[in-house]
N, C-alpha and C. Protein backbone atom coordinates (compact mmCIF):
# COMPACT_ATOMS: atom_id res chain seq x y z
N MET A 1 8.67 44.17 -66.51
CA MET A 1 8.71 42.68 -66.32
C MET A 1 7.30 42.36 -65.79
N ILE A 2 6.85 41.17 -66.05
CA ILE A 2 5.56 40.65 -65.57
C ILE A 2 5.80 40.22 -64.14
N SER A 3 4.86 40.57 -63.23
CA SER A 3 5.07 40.24 -61.82
C SER A 3 4.39 38.74 -61.54
N GLY A 4 5.00 38.02 -60.69
CA GLY A 4 4.42 36.72 -60.36
C GLY A 4 3.08 36.83 -59.84
N LYS A 5 2.68 37.89 -59.03
CA LYS A 5 1.45 38.10 -58.49
C LYS A 5 0.41 38.08 -59.60
N ASN A 6 0.66 38.84 -60.67
CA ASN A 6 -0.34 39.07 -61.74
C ASN A 6 -0.53 37.68 -62.48
N LEU A 7 0.50 36.79 -62.64
CA LEU A 7 0.37 35.59 -63.23
C LEU A 7 -0.33 34.58 -62.38
N LEU A 8 -0.17 34.62 -61.03
CA LEU A 8 -0.87 33.69 -60.19
C LEU A 8 -2.35 33.96 -60.05
N THR A 9 -2.73 35.28 -60.38
CA THR A 9 -4.11 35.60 -60.24
C THR A 9 -4.90 35.17 -61.56
N LYS A 10 -4.19 34.83 -62.55
CA LYS A 10 -4.90 34.36 -63.85
C LYS A 10 -5.64 33.02 -63.61
N PRO A 11 -6.78 32.90 -64.26
CA PRO A 11 -7.31 31.57 -64.29
C PRO A 11 -6.53 30.73 -65.07
N LEU A 12 -6.47 29.39 -64.89
CA LEU A 12 -5.62 28.44 -65.78
C LEU A 12 -4.28 28.75 -65.66
N SER A 13 -3.69 29.27 -64.46
CA SER A 13 -2.28 29.64 -64.44
C SER A 13 -1.47 28.41 -64.20
N LEU A 14 -2.02 27.31 -63.96
CA LEU A 14 -1.03 26.12 -63.91
C LEU A 14 -0.50 25.54 -65.18
N PRO A 15 -1.19 25.59 -66.23
CA PRO A 15 -0.44 25.21 -67.48
C PRO A 15 0.46 26.28 -67.92
N LEU A 16 1.67 25.98 -68.47
CA LEU A 16 2.63 26.91 -68.92
C LEU A 16 2.28 27.19 -70.32
N LEU A 17 2.49 28.44 -70.67
CA LEU A 17 2.30 28.86 -72.12
C LEU A 17 3.72 29.48 -72.41
N TRP A 18 4.35 28.96 -73.44
CA TRP A 18 5.68 29.75 -73.97
C TRP A 18 5.11 30.30 -75.22
N ILE A 19 5.16 31.75 -75.23
CA ILE A 19 4.75 32.48 -76.29
C ILE A 19 6.03 33.03 -76.97
N GLY A 20 6.19 32.72 -78.30
CA GLY A 20 7.28 33.25 -78.91
C GLY A 20 6.84 34.56 -79.71
N LEU A 21 7.62 35.52 -79.58
CA LEU A 21 7.29 36.84 -80.17
C LEU A 21 8.61 37.49 -80.88
N ALA A 22 8.65 38.74 -81.05
CA ALA A 22 9.54 39.49 -81.82
C ALA A 22 10.86 39.80 -81.26
N GLY A 23 11.96 39.15 -81.71
CA GLY A 23 13.35 39.71 -81.57
C GLY A 23 14.16 39.38 -80.22
N LEU A 24 13.66 39.18 -79.07
CA LEU A 24 14.48 39.18 -77.99
C LEU A 24 14.08 37.88 -77.14
N ALA A 25 14.87 37.29 -76.36
CA ALA A 25 14.47 36.26 -75.57
C ALA A 25 14.39 36.60 -74.09
N TYR A 26 13.30 36.46 -73.42
CA TYR A 26 13.25 36.66 -71.99
C TYR A 26 13.45 35.28 -71.23
N PRO A 27 14.12 35.30 -70.28
CA PRO A 27 14.28 33.88 -69.55
C PRO A 27 12.94 33.54 -68.98
N ALA A 28 12.72 32.22 -68.88
CA ALA A 28 11.32 31.90 -68.18
C ALA A 28 11.49 32.12 -66.67
N LEU A 29 10.33 32.50 -66.04
CA LEU A 29 10.39 32.65 -64.68
C LEU A 29 10.42 31.29 -64.05
N SER A 30 10.89 31.26 -62.80
CA SER A 30 11.00 30.00 -62.08
C SER A 30 9.70 29.59 -61.70
N SER A 31 9.45 28.16 -62.03
CA SER A 31 8.08 27.71 -61.66
C SER A 31 7.83 27.68 -60.13
N ALA A 32 8.89 27.88 -59.31
CA ALA A 32 8.59 27.87 -57.92
C ALA A 32 7.98 29.26 -57.61
N GLN A 33 8.28 30.27 -58.42
CA GLN A 33 7.80 31.60 -58.19
C GLN A 33 6.30 31.75 -58.84
N VAL A 34 6.19 31.25 -60.01
CA VAL A 34 4.86 31.28 -60.70
C VAL A 34 4.66 29.95 -61.45
N HIS A 35 3.35 29.70 -61.79
CA HIS A 35 2.97 28.49 -62.55
C HIS A 35 2.82 28.69 -64.04
N GLN A 36 3.14 29.89 -64.46
CA GLN A 36 3.05 30.23 -65.84
C GLN A 36 4.30 31.05 -66.16
N SER A 37 4.89 30.85 -67.33
CA SER A 37 5.97 31.65 -67.75
C SER A 37 5.89 31.90 -69.22
N VAL A 38 6.58 32.89 -69.67
CA VAL A 38 6.54 33.34 -71.12
C VAL A 38 7.93 33.63 -71.57
N GLN A 39 8.13 33.07 -72.80
CA GLN A 39 9.53 33.26 -73.49
C GLN A 39 9.19 33.99 -74.71
N VAL A 40 9.95 35.04 -74.95
CA VAL A 40 9.72 36.01 -76.09
C VAL A 40 10.79 35.82 -77.19
N LYS A 41 10.47 35.53 -78.34
CA LYS A 41 11.39 35.38 -79.47
C LYS A 41 10.72 35.82 -80.79
N ALA A 42 11.47 36.33 -81.65
CA ALA A 42 10.76 36.86 -82.92
C ALA A 42 11.56 36.57 -84.23
N THR A 43 10.76 36.35 -85.31
CA THR A 43 11.41 36.24 -86.49
C THR A 43 10.44 36.83 -87.55
N LEU A 44 10.95 37.22 -88.62
CA LEU A 44 10.22 37.58 -89.78
C LEU A 44 10.25 36.38 -90.81
N SER A 45 9.21 36.07 -91.54
CA SER A 45 9.03 35.06 -92.48
C SER A 45 10.15 35.26 -93.53
N THR A 46 10.83 34.39 -94.06
CA THR A 46 11.73 34.56 -95.13
C THR A 46 11.40 33.87 -96.42
N ASP A 47 10.19 33.42 -96.59
CA ASP A 47 10.02 32.52 -97.73
C ASP A 47 8.94 32.92 -98.63
N LYS A 48 8.38 34.19 -98.55
CA LYS A 48 7.30 34.59 -99.42
C LYS A 48 7.13 36.10 -99.54
N GLN A 49 6.98 36.49 -100.74
CA GLN A 49 6.65 37.99 -101.02
C GLN A 49 5.66 38.05 -102.05
N THR A 50 4.83 39.04 -102.10
CA THR A 50 3.92 39.26 -103.25
C THR A 50 4.56 40.34 -104.20
N ASP A 51 4.20 40.26 -105.45
CA ASP A 51 4.71 41.21 -106.39
C ASP A 51 3.96 42.50 -106.72
N ASP A 52 2.76 42.59 -106.25
CA ASP A 52 2.07 43.81 -106.36
C ASP A 52 2.72 45.01 -105.87
N GLN A 53 3.12 45.93 -106.61
CA GLN A 53 3.84 47.08 -106.18
C GLN A 53 3.11 47.88 -105.14
N ASP A 54 1.96 48.14 -105.25
CA ASP A 54 1.18 48.95 -104.27
C ASP A 54 1.01 48.22 -102.90
N ASP A 55 0.81 46.97 -103.07
CA ASP A 55 0.46 46.02 -101.92
C ASP A 55 1.60 45.04 -101.53
N LYS A 56 2.94 45.33 -101.84
CA LYS A 56 3.86 44.35 -101.77
C LYS A 56 4.11 44.00 -100.19
N THR A 57 4.20 42.77 -99.86
CA THR A 57 4.41 42.34 -98.60
C THR A 57 5.82 41.99 -98.37
N TYR A 58 6.46 42.59 -97.48
CA TYR A 58 7.88 42.33 -97.21
C TYR A 58 8.23 41.28 -96.25
N THR A 59 9.26 40.54 -96.48
CA THR A 59 9.71 39.45 -95.45
C THR A 59 10.90 39.95 -94.59
N SER A 60 11.50 41.07 -94.98
CA SER A 60 12.30 41.77 -94.05
C SER A 60 12.23 43.19 -94.30
N VAL A 61 12.44 43.95 -93.32
CA VAL A 61 12.31 45.43 -93.37
C VAL A 61 13.29 46.20 -92.53
N GLU A 62 13.59 47.41 -92.80
CA GLU A 62 14.53 48.17 -92.19
C GLU A 62 14.21 48.31 -90.63
N VAL A 63 12.78 48.64 -90.48
CA VAL A 63 12.17 48.78 -89.09
C VAL A 63 11.14 47.72 -88.91
N MET A 64 11.26 46.85 -88.01
CA MET A 64 10.35 45.71 -87.78
C MET A 64 8.97 46.29 -87.16
N PRO A 65 7.81 45.67 -87.47
CA PRO A 65 6.66 46.14 -86.89
C PRO A 65 6.78 45.94 -85.42
N GLU A 66 5.94 46.70 -84.57
CA GLU A 66 6.05 46.77 -83.31
C GLU A 66 4.60 46.76 -82.63
N PHE A 67 4.42 45.93 -81.60
CA PHE A 67 3.13 45.91 -80.89
C PHE A 67 3.11 47.34 -80.14
N PRO A 68 1.88 47.93 -79.97
CA PRO A 68 1.86 49.09 -79.17
C PRO A 68 2.37 48.97 -77.72
N GLY A 69 3.28 49.67 -77.38
CA GLY A 69 4.00 49.41 -75.95
C GLY A 69 5.12 48.58 -75.95
N GLY A 70 5.48 47.99 -77.08
CA GLY A 70 6.59 47.13 -77.22
C GLY A 70 6.45 45.66 -76.77
N GLN A 71 7.62 45.03 -76.58
CA GLN A 71 7.62 43.55 -76.33
C GLN A 71 6.96 43.29 -75.06
N ASP A 72 7.22 43.92 -73.95
CA ASP A 72 6.50 43.66 -72.70
C ASP A 72 5.05 43.76 -72.82
N ALA A 73 4.52 44.82 -73.62
CA ALA A 73 3.01 44.96 -73.57
C ALA A 73 2.48 43.69 -74.55
N LEU A 74 3.19 43.40 -75.55
CA LEU A 74 2.84 42.21 -76.39
C LEU A 74 2.71 40.92 -75.43
N MET A 75 3.68 40.90 -74.71
CA MET A 75 3.75 39.62 -73.68
C MET A 75 2.57 39.67 -72.81
N GLN A 76 2.35 40.85 -72.20
CA GLN A 76 1.20 40.88 -71.24
C GLN A 76 -0.12 40.65 -72.00
N TYR A 77 -0.27 41.21 -73.31
CA TYR A 77 -1.54 40.94 -73.94
C TYR A 77 -1.75 39.57 -74.34
N LEU A 78 -0.71 38.81 -74.76
CA LEU A 78 -0.89 37.45 -75.13
C LEU A 78 -1.24 36.57 -73.70
N ILE A 79 -0.56 36.88 -72.70
CA ILE A 79 -0.87 36.24 -71.39
C ILE A 79 -2.33 36.37 -71.03
N SER A 80 -2.81 37.77 -71.18
CA SER A 80 -4.22 38.00 -70.65
C SER A 80 -5.28 37.29 -71.69
N LYS A 81 -4.90 37.16 -72.92
CA LYS A 81 -5.95 36.71 -73.91
C LYS A 81 -5.78 35.23 -74.25
N LEU A 82 -4.62 34.62 -74.22
CA LEU A 82 -4.47 33.19 -74.65
C LEU A 82 -4.67 32.28 -73.54
N ASN A 83 -5.56 31.31 -73.69
CA ASN A 83 -5.91 30.34 -72.69
C ASN A 83 -5.52 28.99 -73.22
N TYR A 84 -4.95 28.10 -72.42
CA TYR A 84 -4.58 26.80 -72.91
C TYR A 84 -5.92 25.99 -72.87
N PRO A 85 -6.36 25.50 -74.07
CA PRO A 85 -7.66 24.84 -74.11
C PRO A 85 -7.69 23.70 -73.29
N SER A 86 -8.90 23.64 -72.67
CA SER A 86 -9.11 22.58 -71.60
C SER A 86 -9.10 21.18 -72.22
N LYS A 87 -9.52 20.99 -73.34
CA LYS A 87 -9.42 19.59 -74.04
C LYS A 87 -7.91 19.21 -74.29
N ALA A 88 -7.19 20.27 -74.65
CA ALA A 88 -5.77 20.00 -74.96
C ALA A 88 -5.13 19.59 -73.55
N ARG A 89 -5.37 20.36 -72.59
CA ARG A 89 -4.78 20.09 -71.20
C ARG A 89 -5.21 18.70 -70.75
N LYS A 90 -6.48 18.34 -70.86
CA LYS A 90 -7.00 17.06 -70.40
C LYS A 90 -6.23 15.88 -71.22
N GLU A 91 -5.97 16.09 -72.43
CA GLU A 91 -5.33 15.12 -73.35
C GLU A 91 -3.85 15.14 -73.31
N GLY A 92 -3.28 16.11 -72.37
CA GLY A 92 -1.86 16.16 -72.33
C GLY A 92 -1.14 16.67 -73.53
N ILE A 93 -1.72 17.37 -74.51
CA ILE A 93 -1.16 17.96 -75.67
C ILE A 93 -0.25 19.04 -75.36
N GLN A 94 0.95 18.93 -75.86
CA GLN A 94 2.04 19.99 -75.65
C GLN A 94 2.68 20.01 -77.08
N GLY A 95 3.30 21.23 -77.20
CA GLY A 95 4.07 21.44 -78.26
C GLY A 95 3.98 23.01 -78.77
N ARG A 96 4.31 23.17 -80.01
CA ARG A 96 4.34 24.50 -80.63
C ARG A 96 3.37 24.66 -81.71
N VAL A 97 2.72 25.77 -81.76
CA VAL A 97 1.92 26.39 -82.85
C VAL A 97 2.64 27.37 -83.46
N MET A 98 3.01 27.19 -84.87
CA MET A 98 3.68 28.23 -85.58
C MET A 98 2.72 29.08 -86.47
N SER A 99 2.52 30.37 -86.13
CA SER A 99 1.62 31.17 -86.89
C SER A 99 2.37 32.27 -87.63
N ARG A 100 1.66 32.65 -88.77
CA ARG A 100 2.26 33.61 -89.53
C ARG A 100 1.17 34.60 -89.97
N PHE A 101 1.42 35.94 -89.93
CA PHE A 101 0.48 36.85 -90.32
C PHE A 101 1.15 38.00 -90.98
N VAL A 102 0.37 38.93 -91.39
CA VAL A 102 0.86 40.26 -92.09
C VAL A 102 0.41 41.38 -91.13
N ILE A 103 1.47 42.24 -90.79
CA ILE A 103 1.07 43.47 -90.25
C ILE A 103 0.98 44.47 -91.38
N LYS A 104 -0.20 44.97 -91.64
CA LYS A 104 -0.43 45.70 -92.80
C LYS A 104 0.18 47.12 -92.66
N LYS A 105 0.27 48.01 -93.61
CA LYS A 105 0.89 49.37 -93.52
C LYS A 105 0.00 50.23 -92.65
N ASN A 106 -1.20 49.87 -92.35
CA ASN A 106 -2.12 50.63 -91.57
C ASN A 106 -2.04 50.11 -90.07
N GLY A 107 -1.30 48.97 -89.76
CA GLY A 107 -1.09 48.44 -88.55
C GLY A 107 -2.06 47.21 -88.14
N SER A 108 -2.92 47.01 -88.98
CA SER A 108 -3.88 45.90 -88.70
C SER A 108 -3.24 44.54 -88.95
N VAL A 109 -3.79 43.51 -88.22
CA VAL A 109 -3.31 42.08 -88.38
C VAL A 109 -4.03 41.51 -89.43
N ASP A 110 -3.57 40.89 -90.50
CA ASP A 110 -4.17 40.32 -91.47
C ASP A 110 -3.59 38.99 -91.99
N ASP A 111 -4.38 38.23 -92.91
CA ASP A 111 -3.76 36.99 -93.48
C ASP A 111 -3.19 36.07 -92.49
N ILE A 112 -3.87 35.84 -91.42
CA ILE A 112 -3.41 34.89 -90.39
C ILE A 112 -3.41 33.48 -90.90
N GLU A 113 -2.32 32.80 -90.65
CA GLU A 113 -2.35 31.38 -91.08
C GLU A 113 -1.64 30.63 -89.98
N ILE A 114 -1.87 29.38 -89.87
CA ILE A 114 -1.10 28.42 -88.98
C ILE A 114 -0.21 27.67 -89.85
N VAL A 115 1.17 27.82 -89.70
CA VAL A 115 2.23 27.21 -90.48
C VAL A 115 2.36 25.95 -90.16
N ARG A 116 2.36 25.61 -88.76
CA ARG A 116 2.56 24.33 -88.31
C ARG A 116 1.66 24.23 -87.02
N GLY A 117 0.72 23.35 -87.11
CA GLY A 117 -0.33 23.22 -85.98
C GLY A 117 -0.06 22.20 -85.03
N LEU A 118 -0.69 22.21 -83.84
CA LEU A 118 -0.50 21.28 -82.86
C LEU A 118 -1.81 20.37 -82.59
N SER A 119 -2.86 21.13 -82.42
CA SER A 119 -4.13 20.44 -82.27
C SER A 119 -5.26 21.58 -82.72
N PRO A 120 -6.37 21.12 -83.20
CA PRO A 120 -7.29 22.04 -83.63
C PRO A 120 -7.62 23.27 -82.60
N GLU A 121 -7.67 22.72 -81.30
CA GLU A 121 -8.05 23.60 -80.24
C GLU A 121 -6.91 24.55 -79.96
N CYS A 122 -5.79 24.19 -79.82
CA CYS A 122 -4.57 25.03 -79.77
C CYS A 122 -4.40 25.94 -80.87
N ASP A 123 -4.58 25.43 -82.07
CA ASP A 123 -4.42 26.19 -83.20
C ASP A 123 -5.45 27.37 -83.26
N GLU A 124 -6.77 27.11 -82.90
CA GLU A 124 -7.91 28.03 -82.89
C GLU A 124 -7.73 29.10 -81.86
N ALA A 125 -7.13 28.66 -80.67
CA ALA A 125 -6.81 29.64 -79.62
C ALA A 125 -5.78 30.73 -80.03
N VAL A 126 -4.79 30.18 -80.77
CA VAL A 126 -3.89 31.20 -81.30
C VAL A 126 -4.44 32.16 -82.33
N VAL A 127 -5.14 31.47 -83.30
CA VAL A 127 -5.91 32.36 -84.25
C VAL A 127 -6.81 33.40 -83.71
N GLN A 128 -7.54 33.08 -82.72
CA GLN A 128 -8.56 33.93 -82.06
C GLN A 128 -7.81 35.06 -81.38
N VAL A 129 -6.60 34.84 -80.76
CA VAL A 129 -5.90 35.96 -80.00
C VAL A 129 -5.33 36.91 -81.04
N LEU A 130 -4.87 36.19 -82.23
CA LEU A 130 -4.25 37.11 -83.26
C LEU A 130 -5.30 38.14 -83.93
N LYS A 131 -6.53 37.44 -84.03
CA LYS A 131 -7.64 38.27 -84.65
C LYS A 131 -8.02 39.41 -83.78
N SER A 132 -7.95 39.32 -82.45
CA SER A 132 -8.34 40.14 -81.48
C SER A 132 -7.32 41.28 -81.10
N MET A 133 -6.15 41.17 -81.81
CA MET A 133 -5.05 42.05 -81.54
C MET A 133 -5.35 43.57 -81.93
N PRO A 134 -4.84 44.51 -81.20
CA PRO A 134 -5.13 45.90 -81.56
C PRO A 134 -4.09 46.13 -82.81
N LYS A 135 -4.18 47.31 -83.39
CA LYS A 135 -3.40 47.71 -84.48
C LYS A 135 -1.93 47.91 -83.89
N TRP A 136 -1.00 47.53 -84.71
CA TRP A 136 0.50 47.57 -84.43
C TRP A 136 1.06 48.80 -85.10
N ILE A 137 2.36 49.20 -84.64
CA ILE A 137 3.00 50.19 -85.44
C ILE A 137 3.62 49.40 -86.67
N PRO A 138 3.33 49.83 -87.83
CA PRO A 138 3.75 48.92 -88.96
C PRO A 138 5.24 48.97 -89.18
N GLY A 139 5.74 47.96 -89.94
CA GLY A 139 7.14 47.95 -90.33
C GLY A 139 7.44 49.09 -91.26
N LYS A 140 8.69 49.41 -91.43
CA LYS A 140 9.01 50.57 -92.39
C LYS A 140 10.22 50.13 -93.26
N GLN A 141 10.04 50.51 -94.54
CA GLN A 141 11.15 50.31 -95.57
C GLN A 141 11.22 51.62 -96.27
N ALA A 142 12.53 52.19 -96.27
CA ALA A 142 12.82 53.38 -97.00
C ALA A 142 11.90 54.53 -96.32
N GLY A 143 11.66 54.50 -95.01
CA GLY A 143 10.85 55.57 -94.34
C GLY A 143 9.31 55.36 -94.43
N GLN A 144 8.86 54.56 -95.17
CA GLN A 144 7.43 54.39 -95.58
C GLN A 144 6.84 53.10 -94.89
N ALA A 145 5.70 53.19 -94.25
CA ALA A 145 5.02 52.14 -93.67
C ALA A 145 4.78 51.04 -94.74
N VAL A 146 4.97 49.71 -94.55
CA VAL A 146 4.79 48.60 -95.49
C VAL A 146 4.13 47.43 -94.89
N ASN A 147 3.58 46.63 -95.67
CA ASN A 147 3.03 45.43 -95.17
C ASN A 147 4.24 44.42 -94.92
N THR A 148 4.17 43.80 -93.70
CA THR A 148 5.36 42.84 -93.42
C THR A 148 4.88 41.62 -92.83
N TYR A 149 5.49 40.50 -93.18
CA TYR A 149 5.09 39.22 -92.74
C TYR A 149 5.78 39.15 -91.41
N TYR A 150 5.08 38.46 -90.36
CA TYR A 150 5.60 38.24 -89.10
C TYR A 150 5.20 36.75 -88.57
N VAL A 151 6.12 36.21 -88.00
CA VAL A 151 6.00 34.75 -87.43
C VAL A 151 5.87 34.74 -85.98
N LEU A 152 4.99 34.23 -85.44
CA LEU A 152 4.83 34.13 -83.99
C LEU A 152 4.64 32.58 -83.52
N PRO A 153 5.71 31.98 -82.92
CA PRO A 153 5.51 30.71 -82.38
C PRO A 153 4.94 30.84 -80.91
N VAL A 154 4.09 29.86 -80.79
CA VAL A 154 3.40 29.80 -79.29
C VAL A 154 3.47 28.37 -78.90
N SER A 155 4.27 28.13 -77.86
CA SER A 155 4.43 26.73 -77.28
C SER A 155 3.46 26.60 -76.18
N PHE A 156 2.91 25.47 -76.08
CA PHE A 156 1.92 24.94 -75.08
C PHE A 156 2.67 23.98 -74.25
N SER A 157 2.83 24.04 -72.85
CA SER A 157 3.56 23.08 -72.07
C SER A 157 2.92 23.01 -70.70
N LEU A 158 2.70 21.81 -70.37
CA LEU A 158 2.02 21.42 -69.06
C LEU A 158 3.18 21.33 -67.92
N PRO A 159 2.77 21.72 -66.61
CA PRO A 159 3.84 21.74 -65.58
C PRO A 159 4.18 20.30 -65.34
N GLY A 160 5.40 20.10 -65.09
CA GLY A 160 5.95 18.69 -64.71
C GLY A 160 6.25 17.85 -65.91
N ALA A 161 5.75 18.37 -67.06
CA ALA A 161 6.12 17.64 -68.22
C ALA A 161 7.49 17.88 -68.82
N LYS A 162 8.13 17.01 -69.45
CA LYS A 162 9.40 17.18 -69.98
C LYS A 162 9.46 17.56 -71.47
């Protein structure tokens, strides 16, 4: 679990970032304990597949791709890399950025797209973090590593806002 001390030492810890990830939901930490919290959720995209046999991209697989170190490591990575853009904070912009990308069979992150944006600054912040991700453990189908679509919702929320 992420300690409150680590979160309080982060610059820009006052804005809340709700980061949606893969498969399970972590309860938000009390804002009395920390001023930044993370909620984890995951989905695989279900609306698109390619037909190229050698490079087929799956929307669902037997074994989902996994960030190195698991969900907690992914959460910590996103907290350390993702910053609430100052322009968005100043303008009171809040909401969710829906991103979709492919975890390639070699573990790299590719084909990043914003499915539903919030603001150019928030959208770009999410894209930059996704581009900087290390290689993942790829998804598997029939025991073989395969390209897999992955959806990551990231919610931006300011303290005291409803």
